[in-house]
Amino acid sequence: MQDTQGKVIAALMEQLIQTGPEGMAEAFTALFNLAMRMERDRHLGAGPYERSDGR
């Protein structure tokens, strides 16, 4: 999961470099979505399509 997060962040940075300030809203939306997925995974104790004791 950590590698995937790094790839997403790198892609967002590349998008910001290419689009400049006009692409900020889209980049922030993607970043907040990533943060919410990370929070969900931490709360559940498992990633997407994974099992845990409480799930």
Protein backbone atom coordinates (compact mmCIF):
# COMPACT_ATOMS: atom_id res chain seq x y z
CA MET A 1 0.00 0.00 0.00
CA GLN A 2 2.85 2.38 0.83
CA ASP A 3 4.28 1.99 -2.69
CA THR A 4 0.87 2.75 -4.21
CA GLN A 5 0.53 5.88 -2.07
CA GLY A 6 3.95 7.05 -3.20
CA LYS A 7 2.97 6.55 -6.83
CA VAL A 8 -0.26 8.49 -6.36
CA ILE A 9 1.55 11.38 -4.68
CA ALA A 10 4.21 11.41 -7.41
CA ALA A 11 1.49 11.47 -10.08
CA LEU A 12 -0.26 14.36 -8.31
CA MET A 13 2.98 16.32 -8.13
CA GLU A 14 3.59 15.72 -11.84
CA GLN A 15 0.05 16.90 -12.58
CA LEU A 16 0.62 20.09 -10.58
CA ILE A 17 3.89 20.73 -12.42
CA GLN A 18 2.18 20.31 -15.78
CA THR A 19 -1.05 22.19 -15.09
CA GLY A 20 0.14 24.81 -12.63
CA PRO A 21 -2.36 26.58 -10.39
CA GLU A 22 -5.29 25.65 -12.64
CA GLY A 23 -4.92 21.99 -11.65
CA MET A 24 -4.89 22.61 -7.90
CA ALA A 25 -8.56 21.77 -7.26
CA GLU A 26 -8.31 18.42 -9.03
CA ALA A 27 -5.03 17.56 -7.29
CA PHE A 28 -6.43 18.43 -3.84
CA THR A 29 -9.52 16.33 -4.53
CA ALA A 30 -7.36 13.32 -5.38
CA LEU A 31 -5.13 13.95 -2.34
CA PHE A 32 -8.10 14.16 0.05
CA ASN A 33 -9.58 10.97 -1.45
CA LEU A 34 -6.27 9.19 -0.82
CA ALA A 35 -6.22 10.48 2.77
CA MET A 36 -9.77 9.22 3.37
CA ARG A 37 -8.90 5.77 1.97
CA MET A 38 -5.85 5.62 4.24
CA GLU A 39 -7.96 6.60 7.26
CA ARG A 40 -10.59 3.98 6.37
CA ASP A 41 -7.96 1.25 6.00
CA ARG A 42 -6.39 2.19 9.33
CA HIS A 43 -9.77 2.18 11.08
CA LEU A 44 -10.76 -1.20 9.63
CA GLY A 45 -7.33 -2.73 10.14
CA ALA A 46 -7.31 -4.05 6.58
CA GLY A 47 -6.87 -2.73 3.08
CA PRO A 48 -9.26 -3.16 0.17
CA TYR A 49 -10.10 -6.82 -0.44
CA GLU A 50 -8.24 -7.87 2.71
CA ARG A 51 -9.61 -9.65 5.75
CA SER A 52 -8.97 -8.90 9.39
CA ASP A 53 -10.29 -10.37 12.64
CA GLY A 54 -12.90 -7.63 13.01
CA ARG A 55 -13.91 -7.60 9.38
